[in-house]
Amino acid sequence: MSKSSKLDSPEEIKAALSTNSTKKLACDILADNYRYRQTLFNKPRYERIEKLPFIPLENEIDLLIGGCSPKTSTVLQTLKETGARIGEIWELI
C-alpha cells in the first residue's frame, strides 16, 4: 500500500483502500498505525459480501486428475471418490 500512496495522508489511504480486496483488515491495521502515530483517521465502514465458494464441475476435476503425475492423480482420484481429507490419504501411503 505504501507503494501506491503516501502513508502520511489518510485521504490517499482511503482512496487506495477502495480498490483493495482485503479492505477491512487493511483498514484495521492502518487505524492502529495512525493511533500509534497519534494521527486522526476515521475508518470507513465496510460490510463483508458473502459469496458462494467455487465448486468445479466433475468433468473439470477429471481433467485436473488426468493432467497430473501418476502418484498425484491417484491421490486426487481417491480424494474425489472417498471425500477424505488430504492428511488422511497421505497416512495411507
PDB file of N, CA and C in Angstrom:
ATOM      1  N   MET A   1       0.821  -1.167   0.000  1.00  0.00           N
ATOM      2  CA  MET A   1       0.000   0.000   0.000  1.00  0.00           C
ATOM      3  C   MET A   1       0.876   1.244   0.000  1.00  0.00           C
ATOM      4  N   SER A   2       2.028   1.161   0.646  1.00  0.00           N
ATOM      5  CA  SER A   2       2.899   2.330   0.699  1.00  0.00           C
ATOM      6  C   SER A   2       3.485   2.650  -0.675  1.00  0.00           C
ATOM      7  N   LYS A   3       3.467   1.683  -1.595  1.00  0.00           N
ATOM      8  CA  LYS A   3       3.956   1.943  -2.950  1.00  0.00           C
ATOM      9  C   LYS A   3       2.966   2.768  -3.761  1.00  0.00           C
ATOM     10  N   SER A   4       1.664   2.606  -3.484  1.00  0.00           N
ATOM     11  CA  SER A   4       0.656   3.300  -4.279  1.00  0.00           C
ATOM     12  C   SER A   4       0.187   4.608  -3.670  1.00  0.00           C
ATOM     13  N   SER A   5       0.472   4.847  -2.392  1.00  0.00           N
ATOM     14  CA  SER A   5       0.029   6.082  -1.762  1.00  0.00           C
ATOM     15  C   SER A   5       0.932   6.404  -0.578  1.00  0.00           C
ATOM     16  N   LYS A   6       0.835   7.661  -0.134  1.00  0.00           N
ATOM     17  CA  LYS A   6       1.644   8.099   0.997  1.00  0.00           C
ATOM     18  C   LYS A   6       0.940   7.726   2.293  1.00  0.00           C
ATOM     19  N   LEU A   7       1.654   7.064   3.189  1.00  0.00           N
ATOM     20  CA  LEU A   7       1.057   6.636   4.447  1.00  0.00           C
ATOM     21  C   LEU A   7       0.754   7.799   5.380  1.00  0.00           C
ATOM     22  N   ASP A   8       1.350   8.945   5.141  1.00  0.00           N
ATOM     23  CA  ASP A   8       1.100  10.103   5.987  1.00  0.00           C
ATOM     24  C   ASP A   8      -0.224  10.789   5.666  1.00  0.00           C
ATOM     25  N   SER A   9      -0.842  10.420   4.555  1.00  0.00           N
ATOM     26  CA  SER A   9      -2.078  11.064   4.144  1.00  0.00           C
ATOM     27  C   SER A   9      -3.257  10.089   4.268  1.00  0.00           C
ATOM     28  N   PRO A  10      -4.078  10.238   5.292  1.00  0.00           N
ATOM     29  CA  PRO A  10      -5.210   9.336   5.461  1.00  0.00           C
ATOM     30  C   PRO A  10      -6.182   9.335   4.282  1.00  0.00           C
ATOM     31  N   GLU A  11      -6.348  10.460   3.610  1.00  0.00           N
ATOM     32  CA  GLU A  11      -7.286  10.513   2.478  1.00  0.00           C
ATOM     33  C   GLU A  11      -6.767   9.689   1.297  1.00  0.00           C
ATOM     34  N   GLU A  12      -5.461   9.724   1.048  1.00  0.00           N
ATOM     35  CA  GLU A  12      -4.900   8.890  -0.012  1.00  0.00           C
ATOM     36  C   GLU A  12      -5.034   7.413   0.330  1.00  0.00           C
ATOM     37  N   ILE A  13      -4.887   7.089   1.595  1.00  0.00           N
ATOM     38  CA  ILE A  13      -5.032   5.706   2.029  1.00  0.00           C
ATOM     39  C   ILE A  13      -6.465   5.232   1.827  1.00  0.00           C
ATOM     40  N   LYS A  14      -7.447   6.073   2.168  1.00  0.00           N
ATOM     41  CA  LYS A  14      -8.848   5.702   1.959  1.00  0.00           C
ATOM     42  C   LYS A  14      -9.139   5.454   0.485  1.00  0.00           C
ATOM     43  N   ALA A  15      -8.550   6.263  -0.384  1.00  0.00           N
ATOM     44  CA  ALA A  15      -8.744   6.065  -1.825  1.00  0.00           C
ATOM     45  C   ALA A  15      -8.115   4.746  -2.276  1.00  0.00           C
ATOM     46  N   ALA A  16      -6.947   4.423  -1.737  1.00  0.00           N
ATOM     47  CA  ALA A  16      -6.283   3.168  -2.106  1.00  0.00           C
ATOM     48  C   ALA A  16      -7.057   1.969  -1.583  1.00  0.00           C
ATOM     49  N   LEU A  17      -7.685   2.114  -0.424  1.00  0.00           N
ATOM     50  CA  LEU A  17      -8.455   1.012   0.145  1.00  0.00           C
ATOM     51  C   LEU A  17      -9.683   0.669  -0.677  1.00  0.00           C
ATOM     52  N   SER A  18     -10.175   1.608  -1.434  1.00  0.00           N
ATOM     53  CA  SER A  18     -11.381   1.337  -2.211  1.00  0.00           C
ATOM     54  C   SER A  18     -11.126   0.325  -3.314  1.00  0.00           C
ATOM     55  N   THR A  19      -9.873   0.066  -3.660  1.00  0.00           N
ATOM     56  CA  THR A  19      -9.565  -0.919  -4.692  1.00  0.00           C
ATOM     57  C   THR A  19      -8.980  -2.195  -4.119  1.00  0.00           C
ATOM     58  N   ASN A  20      -8.818  -2.281  -2.811  1.00  0.00           N
ATOM     59  CA  ASN A  20      -8.188  -3.422  -2.177  1.00  0.00           C
ATOM     60  C   ASN A  20      -9.236  -4.458  -1.802  1.00  0.00           C
ATOM     61  N   SER A  21      -8.949  -5.743  -2.037  1.00  0.00           N
ATOM     62  CA  SER A  21      -9.918  -6.786  -1.725  1.00  0.00           C
ATOM     63  C   SER A  21      -9.943  -7.140  -0.241  1.00  0.00           C
ATOM     64  N   THR A  22      -8.936  -6.772   0.494  1.00  0.00           N
ATOM     65  CA  THR A  22      -8.909  -7.036   1.929  1.00  0.00           C
ATOM     66  C   THR A  22      -9.036  -5.718   2.677  1.00  0.00           C
ATOM     67  N   LYS A  23     -10.044  -4.972   2.317  1.00  0.00           N
ATOM     68  CA  LYS A  23     -10.216  -3.611   2.810  1.00  0.00           C
ATOM     69  C   LYS A  23     -10.326  -3.533   4.329  1.00  0.00           C
ATOM     70  N   LYS A  24     -11.164  -4.344   4.903  1.00  0.00           N
ATOM     71  CA  LYS A  24     -11.414  -4.225   6.337  1.00  0.00           C
ATOM     72  C   LYS A  24     -10.150  -4.528   7.135  1.00  0.00           C
ATOM     73  N   LEU A  25      -9.451  -5.585   6.792  1.00  0.00           N
ATOM     74  CA  LEU A  25      -8.233  -5.929   7.508  1.00  0.00           C
ATOM     75  C   LEU A  25      -7.184  -4.834   7.361  1.00  0.00           C
ATOM     76  N   ALA A  26      -6.996  -4.352   6.137  1.00  0.00           N
ATOM     77  CA  ALA A  26      -6.018  -3.285   5.913  1.00  0.00           C
ATOM     78  C   ALA A  26      -6.418  -2.026   6.665  1.00  0.00           C
ATOM     79  N   CYS A  27      -7.692  -1.737   6.706  1.00  0.00           N
ATOM     80  CA  CYS A  27      -8.176  -0.546   7.395  1.00  0.00           C
ATOM     81  C   CYS A  27      -7.942  -0.660   8.900  1.00  0.00           C
ATOM     82  N   ASP A  28      -8.157  -1.834   9.462  1.00  0.00           N
ATOM     83  CA  ASP A  28      -7.904  -2.032  10.887  1.00  0.00           C
ATOM     84  C   ASP A  28      -6.424  -1.858  11.219  1.00  0.00           C
ATOM     85  N   ILE A  29      -5.563  -2.391  10.385  1.00  0.00           N
ATOM     86  CA  ILE A  29      -4.119  -2.262  10.597  1.00  0.00           C
ATOM     87  C   ILE A  29      -3.697  -0.803  10.496  1.00  0.00           C
ATOM     88  N   LEU A  30      -4.229  -0.107   9.498  1.00  0.00           N
ATOM     89  CA  LEU A  30      -3.886   1.303   9.339  1.00  0.00           C
ATOM     90  C   LEU A  30      -4.407   2.152  10.503  1.00  0.00           C
ATOM     91  N   ALA A  31      -5.581   1.823  11.004  1.00  0.00           N
ATOM     92  CA  ALA A  31      -6.120   2.569  12.138  1.00  0.00           C
ATOM     93  C   ALA A  31      -5.212   2.416  13.352  1.00  0.00           C
ATOM     94  N   ASP A  32      -4.697   1.215  13.567  1.00  0.00           N
ATOM     95  CA  ASP A  32      -3.743   1.006  14.662  1.00  0.00           C
ATOM     96  C   ASP A  32      -2.465   1.804  14.429  1.00  0.00           C
ATOM     97  N   ASN A  33      -2.011   1.819  13.180  1.00  0.00           N
ATOM     98  CA  ASN A  33      -0.798   2.573  12.844  1.00  0.00           C
ATOM     99  C   ASN A  33      -0.999   4.069  13.100  1.00  0.00           C
ATOM    100  N   TYR A  34      -2.126   4.616  12.667  1.00  0.00           N
ATOM    101  CA  TYR A  34      -2.395   6.037  12.868  1.00  0.00           C
ATOM    102  C   TYR A  34      -2.596   6.370  14.342  1.00  0.00           C
ATOM    103  N   ARG A  35      -3.205   5.443  15.089  1.00  0.00           N
ATOM    104  CA  ARG A  35      -3.366   5.673  16.529  1.00  0.00           C
ATOM    105  C   ARG A  35      -1.986   5.724  17.189  1.00  0.00           C
ATOM    106  N   TYR A  36      -1.075   4.847  16.765  1.00  0.00           N
ATOM    107  CA  TYR A  36       0.295   4.857  17.289  1.00  0.00           C
ATOM    108  C   TYR A  36       1.002   6.170  16.956  1.00  0.00           C
ATOM    109  N   ARG A  37       0.780   6.660  15.728  1.00  0.00           N
ATOM    110  CA  ARG A  37       1.401   7.924  15.300  1.00  0.00           C
ATOM    111  C   ARG A  37       0.659   9.145  15.818  1.00  0.00           C
ATOM    112  N   GLN A  38      -0.464   8.920  16.490  1.00  0.00           N
ATOM    113  CA  GLN A  38      -1.329   9.982  17.001  1.00  0.00           C
ATOM    114  C   GLN A  38      -1.820  10.896  15.874  1.00  0.00           C
ATOM    115  N   THR A  39      -2.236  10.260  14.766  1.00  0.00           N
ATOM    116  CA  THR A  39      -2.802  10.961  13.615  1.00  0.00           C
ATOM    117  C   THR A  39      -4.277  10.607  13.529  1.00  0.00           C
ATOM    118  N   LEU A  40      -5.104  11.585  13.258  1.00  0.00           N
ATOM    119  CA  LEU A  40      -6.540  11.364  13.161  1.00  0.00           C
ATOM    120  C   LEU A  40      -6.854  10.552  11.910  1.00  0.00           C
ATOM    121  N   PHE A  41      -7.602   9.459  12.092  1.00  0.00           N
ATOM    122  CA  PHE A  41      -8.000   8.601  10.969  1.00  0.00           C
ATOM    123  C   PHE A  41      -9.352   8.006  11.298  1.00  0.00           C
ATOM    124  N   ASN A  42     -10.360   8.384  10.544  1.00  0.00           N
ATOM    125  CA  ASN A  42     -11.691   7.817  10.714  1.00  0.00           C
ATOM    126  C   ASN A  42     -11.844   6.671   9.727  1.00  0.00           C
ATOM    127  N   LYS A  43     -11.976   5.472  10.274  1.00  0.00           N
ATOM    128  CA  LYS A  43     -12.074   4.292   9.416  1.00  0.00           C
ATOM    129  C   LYS A  43     -13.381   4.315   8.626  1.00  0.00           C
ATOM    130  N   PRO A  44     -13.303   4.024   7.326  1.00  0.00           N
ATOM    131  CA  PRO A  44     -14.555   3.823   6.585  1.00  0.00           C
ATOM    132  C   PRO A  44     -15.180   2.492   7.019  1.00  0.00           C
ATOM    133  N   ARG A  45     -16.458   2.380   6.871  1.00  0.00           N
ATOM    134  CA  ARG A  45     -17.149   1.162   7.285  1.00  0.00           C
ATOM    135  C   ARG A  45     -17.334   0.255   6.083  1.00  0.00           C
ATOM    136  N   TYR A  46     -16.935  -0.988   6.230  1.00  0.00           N
ATOM    137  CA  TYR A  46     -17.047  -1.967   5.157  1.00  0.00           C
ATOM    138  C   TYR A  46     -17.925  -3.117   5.623  1.00  0.00           C
ATOM    139  N   GLU A  47     -18.781  -3.569   4.738  1.00  0.00           N
ATOM    140  CA  GLU A  47     -19.591  -4.741   5.027  1.00  0.00           C
ATOM    141  C   GLU A  47     -19.097  -5.876   4.155  1.00  0.00           C
ATOM    142  N   ARG A  48     -18.966  -7.023   4.761  1.00  0.00           N
ATOM    143  CA  ARG A  48     -18.478  -8.190   4.040  1.00  0.00           C
ATOM    144  C   ARG A  48     -19.570  -8.720   3.123  1.00  0.00           C
ATOM    145  N   ILE A  49     -19.178  -9.037   1.902  1.00  0.00           N
ATOM    146  CA  ILE A  49     -20.113  -9.592   0.935  1.00  0.00           C
ATOM    147  C   ILE A  49     -19.903 -11.103   0.918  1.00  0.00           C
ATOM    148  N   GLU A  50     -20.938 -11.819   1.298  1.00  0.00           N
ATOM    149  CA  GLU A  50     -20.847 -13.277   1.329  1.00  0.00           C
ATOM    150  C   GLU A  50     -20.988 -13.823  -0.088  1.00  0.00           C
ATOM    151  N   LYS A  51     -20.034 -14.665  -0.479  1.00  0.00           N
ATOM    152  CA  LYS A  51     -20.085 -15.281  -1.794  1.00  0.00           C
ATOM    153  C   LYS A  51     -20.085 -16.789  -1.630  1.00  0.00           C
ATOM    154  N   LEU A  52     -20.713 -17.473  -2.560  1.00  0.00           N
ATOM    155  CA  LEU A  52     -20.666 -18.927  -2.554  1.00  0.00           C
ATOM    156  C   LEU A  52     -19.287 -19.380  -3.019  1.00  0.00           C
ATOM    157  N   PRO A  53     -18.765 -20.451  -2.440  1.00  0.00           N
ATOM    158  CA  PRO A  53     -17.450 -20.934  -2.870  1.00  0.00           C
ATOM    159  C   PRO A  53     -17.523 -21.524  -4.276  1.00  0.00           C
ATOM    160  N   PHE A  54     -16.392 -21.497  -4.976  1.00  0.00           N
ATOM    161  CA  PHE A  54     -16.323 -22.094  -6.309  1.00  0.00           C
ATOM    162  C   PHE A  54     -16.273 -23.606  -6.159  1.00  0.00           C
ATOM    163  N   ILE A  55     -17.192 -24.283  -6.803  1.00  0.00           N
ATOM    164  CA  ILE A  55     -17.203 -25.742  -6.809  1.00  0.00           C
ATOM    165  C   ILE A  55     -17.071 -26.175  -8.272  1.00  0.00           C
ATOM    166  N   PRO A  56     -15.955 -26.825  -8.610  1.00  0.00           N
ATOM    167  CA  PRO A  56     -15.751 -27.212 -10.006  1.00  0.00           C
ATOM    168  C   PRO A  56     -16.698 -28.336 -10.426  1.00  0.00           C
ATOM    169  N   LEU A  57     -16.970 -28.384 -11.712  1.00  0.00           N
ATOM    170  CA  LEU A  57     -17.781 -29.459 -12.261  1.00  0.00           C
ATOM    171  C   LEU A  57     -16.985 -30.752 -12.240  1.00  0.00           C
ATOM    172  N   GLU A  58     -17.684 -31.875 -12.307  1.00  0.00           N
ATOM    173  CA  GLU A  58     -16.999 -33.167 -12.227  1.00  0.00           C
ATOM    174  C   GLU A  58     -16.046 -33.376 -13.400  1.00  0.00           C
ATOM    175  N   ASN A  59     -16.423 -32.913 -14.591  1.00  0.00           N
ATOM    176  CA  ASN A  59     -15.509 -33.085 -15.723  1.00  0.00           C
ATOM    177  C   ASN A  59     -14.261 -32.210 -15.585  1.00  0.00           C
ATOM    178  N   GLU A  60     -14.368 -31.061 -14.897  1.00  0.00           N
ATOM    179  CA  GLU A  60     -13.186 -30.240 -14.632  1.00  0.00           C
ATOM    180  C   GLU A  60     -12.246 -30.943 -13.652  1.00  0.00           C
ATOM    181  N   ILE A  61     -12.812 -31.625 -12.671  1.00  0.00           N
ATOM    182  CA  ILE A  61     -11.992 -32.388 -11.731  1.00  0.00           C
ATOM    183  C   ILE A  61     -11.301 -33.530 -12.457  1.00  0.00           C
ATOM    184  N   ASP A  62     -12.036 -34.200 -13.351  1.00  0.00           N
ATOM    185  CA  ASP A  62     -11.446 -35.303 -14.118  1.00  0.00           C
ATOM    186  C   ASP A  62     -10.312 -34.810 -15.012  1.00  0.00           C
ATOM    187  N   LEU A  63     -10.453 -33.618 -15.600  1.00  0.00           N
ATOM    188  CA  LEU A  63      -9.377 -33.051 -16.413  1.00  0.00           C
ATOM    189  C   LEU A  63      -8.144 -32.752 -15.569  1.00  0.00           C
ATOM    190  N   LEU A  64      -8.352 -32.247 -14.369  1.00  0.00           N
ATOM    191  CA  LEU A  64      -7.237 -31.988 -13.460  1.00  0.00           C
ATOM    192  C   LEU A  64      -6.526 -33.287 -13.097  1.00  0.00           C
ATOM    193  N   ILE A  65      -7.292 -34.305 -12.755  1.00  0.00           N
ATOM    194  CA  ILE A  65      -6.708 -35.588 -12.375  1.00  0.00           C
ATOM    195  C   ILE A  65      -5.936 -36.189 -13.539  1.00  0.00           C
ATOM    196  N   GLY A  66      -6.485 -36.063 -14.737  1.00  0.00           N
ATOM    197  CA  GLY A  66      -5.821 -36.613 -15.924  1.00  0.00           C
ATOM    198  C   GLY A  66      -4.536 -35.891 -16.289  1.00  0.00           C
ATOM    199  N   GLY A  67      -4.393 -34.639 -15.889  1.00  0.00           N
ATOM    200  CA  GLY A  67      -3.213 -33.869 -16.241  1.00  0.00           C
ATOM    201  C   GLY A  67      -2.083 -33.948 -15.234  1.00  0.00           C
ATOM    202  N   CYS A  68      -2.284 -34.701 -14.151  1.00  0.00           N
ATOM    203  CA  CYS A  68      -1.259 -34.780 -13.102  1.00  0.00           C
ATOM    204  C   CYS A  68      -0.411 -36.038 -13.260  1.00  0.00           C
ATOM    205  N   SER A  69       0.657 -36.089 -12.482  1.00  0.00           N
ATOM    206  CA  SER A  69       1.528 -37.272 -12.483  1.00  0.00           C
ATOM    207  C   SER A  69       0.758 -38.456 -11.902  1.00  0.00           C
ATOM    208  N   PRO A  70       1.245 -39.693 -12.134  1.00  0.00           N
ATOM    209  CA  PRO A  70       0.506 -40.870 -11.646  1.00  0.00           C
ATOM    210  C   PRO A  70       0.260 -40.876 -10.135  1.00  0.00           C
ATOM    211  N   LYS A  71       1.257 -40.499  -9.347  1.00  0.00           N
ATOM    212  CA  LYS A  71       1.077 -40.513  -7.890  1.00  0.00           C
ATOM    213  C   LYS A  71       0.059 -39.454  -7.468  1.00  0.00           C
ATOM    214  N   THR A  72       0.177 -38.246  -8.022  1.00  0.00           N
ATOM    215  CA  THR A  72      -0.745 -37.174  -7.672  1.00  0.00           C
ATOM    216  C   THR A  72      -2.154 -37.498  -8.146  1.00  0.00           C
ATOM    217  N   SER A  73      -2.275 -38.047  -9.351  1.00  0.00           N
ATOM    218  CA  SER A  73      -3.609 -38.377  -9.860  1.00  0.00           C
ATOM    219  C   SER A  73      -4.270 -39.469  -9.032  1.00  0.00           C
ATOM    220  N   THR A  74      -3.475 -40.411  -8.510  1.00  0.00           N
ATOM    221  CA  THR A  74      -4.032 -41.452  -7.641  1.00  0.00           C
ATOM    222  C   THR A  74      -4.578 -40.836  -6.360  1.00  0.00           C
ATOM    223  N   VAL A  75      -3.820 -39.920  -5.788  1.00  0.00           N
ATOM    224  CA  VAL A  75      -4.268 -39.249  -4.565  1.00  0.00           C
ATOM    225  C   VAL A  75      -5.526 -38.436  -4.850  1.00  0.00           C
ATOM    226  N   LEU A  76      -5.533 -37.682  -5.942  1.00  0.00           N
ATOM    227  CA  LEU A  76      -6.698 -36.854  -6.272  1.00  0.00           C
ATOM    228  C   LEU A  76      -7.936 -37.698  -6.550  1.00  0.00           C
ATOM    229  N   GLN A  77      -7.751 -38.819  -7.235  1.00  0.00           N
ATOM    230  CA  GLN A  77      -8.876 -39.706  -7.521  1.00  0.00           C
ATOM    231  C   GLN A  77      -9.438 -40.282  -6.229  1.00  0.00           C
ATOM    232  N   THR A  78      -8.559 -40.638  -5.301  1.00  0.00           N
ATOM    233  CA  THR A  78      -9.000 -41.153  -4.008  1.00  0.00           C
ATOM    234  C   THR A  78      -9.761 -40.085  -3.230  1.00  0.00           C
ATOM    235  N   LEU A  79      -9.255 -38.852  -3.277  1.00  0.00           N
ATOM    236  CA  LEU A  79      -9.959 -37.746  -2.618  1.00  0.00           C
ATOM    237  C   LEU A  79     -11.350 -37.565  -3.206  1.00  0.00           C
ATOM    238  N   LYS A  80     -11.423 -37.613  -4.524  1.00  0.00           N
ATOM    239  CA  LYS A  80     -12.707 -37.408  -5.204  1.00  0.00           C
ATOM    240  C   LYS A  80     -13.709 -38.500  -4.838  1.00  0.00           C
ATOM    241  N   GLU A  81     -13.255 -39.735  -4.818  1.00  0.00           N
ATOM    242  CA  GLU A  81     -14.180 -40.845  -4.610  1.00  0.00           C
ATOM    243  C   GLU A  81     -14.560 -41.062  -3.154  1.00  0.00           C
ATOM    244  N   THR A  82     -13.675 -40.740  -2.218  1.00  0.00           N
ATOM    245  CA  THR A  82     -13.960 -41.025  -0.815  1.00  0.00           C
ATOM    246  C   THR A  82     -14.406 -39.805  -0.028  1.00  0.00           C
ATOM    247  N   GLY A  83     -13.998 -38.608  -0.457  1.00  0.00           N
ATOM    248  CA  GLY A  83     -14.311 -37.411   0.311  1.00  0.00           C
ATOM    249  C   GLY A  83     -13.432 -37.259   1.537  1.00  0.00           C
ATOM    250  N   ALA A  84     -12.350 -38.021   1.588  1.00  0.00           N
ATOM    251  CA  ALA A  84     -11.421 -37.944   2.726  1.00  0.00           C
ATOM    252  C   ALA A  84     -10.611 -36.659   2.649  1.00  0.00           C
ATOM    253  N   ARG A  85      -9.950 -36.336   3.733  1.00  0.00           N
ATOM    254  CA  ARG A  85      -9.055 -35.188   3.763  1.00  0.00           C
ATOM    255  C   ARG A  85      -7.691 -35.615   3.258  1.00  0.00           C
ATOM    256  N   ILE A  86      -6.913 -34.627   2.810  1.00  0.00           N
ATOM    257  CA  ILE A  86      -5.599 -34.940   2.238  1.00  0.00           C
ATOM    258  C   ILE A  86      -4.694 -35.600   3.261  1.00  0.00           C
ATOM    259  N   GLY A  87      -4.747 -35.185   4.516  1.00  0.00           N
ATOM    260  CA  GLY A  87      -3.918 -35.788   5.550  1.00  0.00           C
ATOM    261  C   GLY A  87      -4.241 -37.256   5.766  1.00  0.00           C
ATOM    262  N   GLU A  88      -5.521 -37.594   5.674  1.00  0.00           N
ATOM    263  CA  GLU A  88      -5.928 -38.973   5.820  1.00  0.00           C
ATOM    264  C   GLU A  88      -5.409 -39.839   4.675  1.00  0.00           C
ATOM    265  N   ILE A  89      -5.412 -39.284   3.475  1.00  0.00           N
ATOM    266  CA  ILE A  89      -4.912 -40.026   2.310  1.00  0.00           C
ATOM    267  C   ILE A  89      -3.407 -40.223   2.414  1.00  0.00           C
ATOM    268  N   TRP A  90      -2.670 -39.180   2.812  1.00  0.00           N
ATOM    269  CA  TRP A  90      -1.212 -39.308   2.898  1.00  0.00           C
ATOM    270  C   TRP A  90      -0.812 -40.305   3.975  1.00  0.00           C
ATOM    271  N   GLU A  91      -1.620 -40.498   5.001  1.00  0.00           N
ATOM    272  CA  GLU A  91      -1.309 -41.512   6.022  1.00  0.00           C
ATOM    273  C   GLU A  91      -1.446 -42.913   5.459  1.00  0.00           C
ATOM    274  N   LEU A  92      -2.253 -43.089   4.423  1.00  0.00           N
ATOM    275  CA  LEU A  92      -2.422 -44.404   3.815  1.00  0.00           C
ATOM    276  C   LEU A  92      -1.214 -44.823   2.992  1.00  0.00           C
ATOM    277  N   ILE A  93      -0.503 -43.835   2.468  1.00  0.00           N
ATOM    278  CA  ILE A  93       0.625 -44.127   1.562  1.00  0.00           C
ATOM    279  C   ILE A  93       1.832 -44.576   2.334  1.00  0.00           C
TER     280      ILE A  93
END
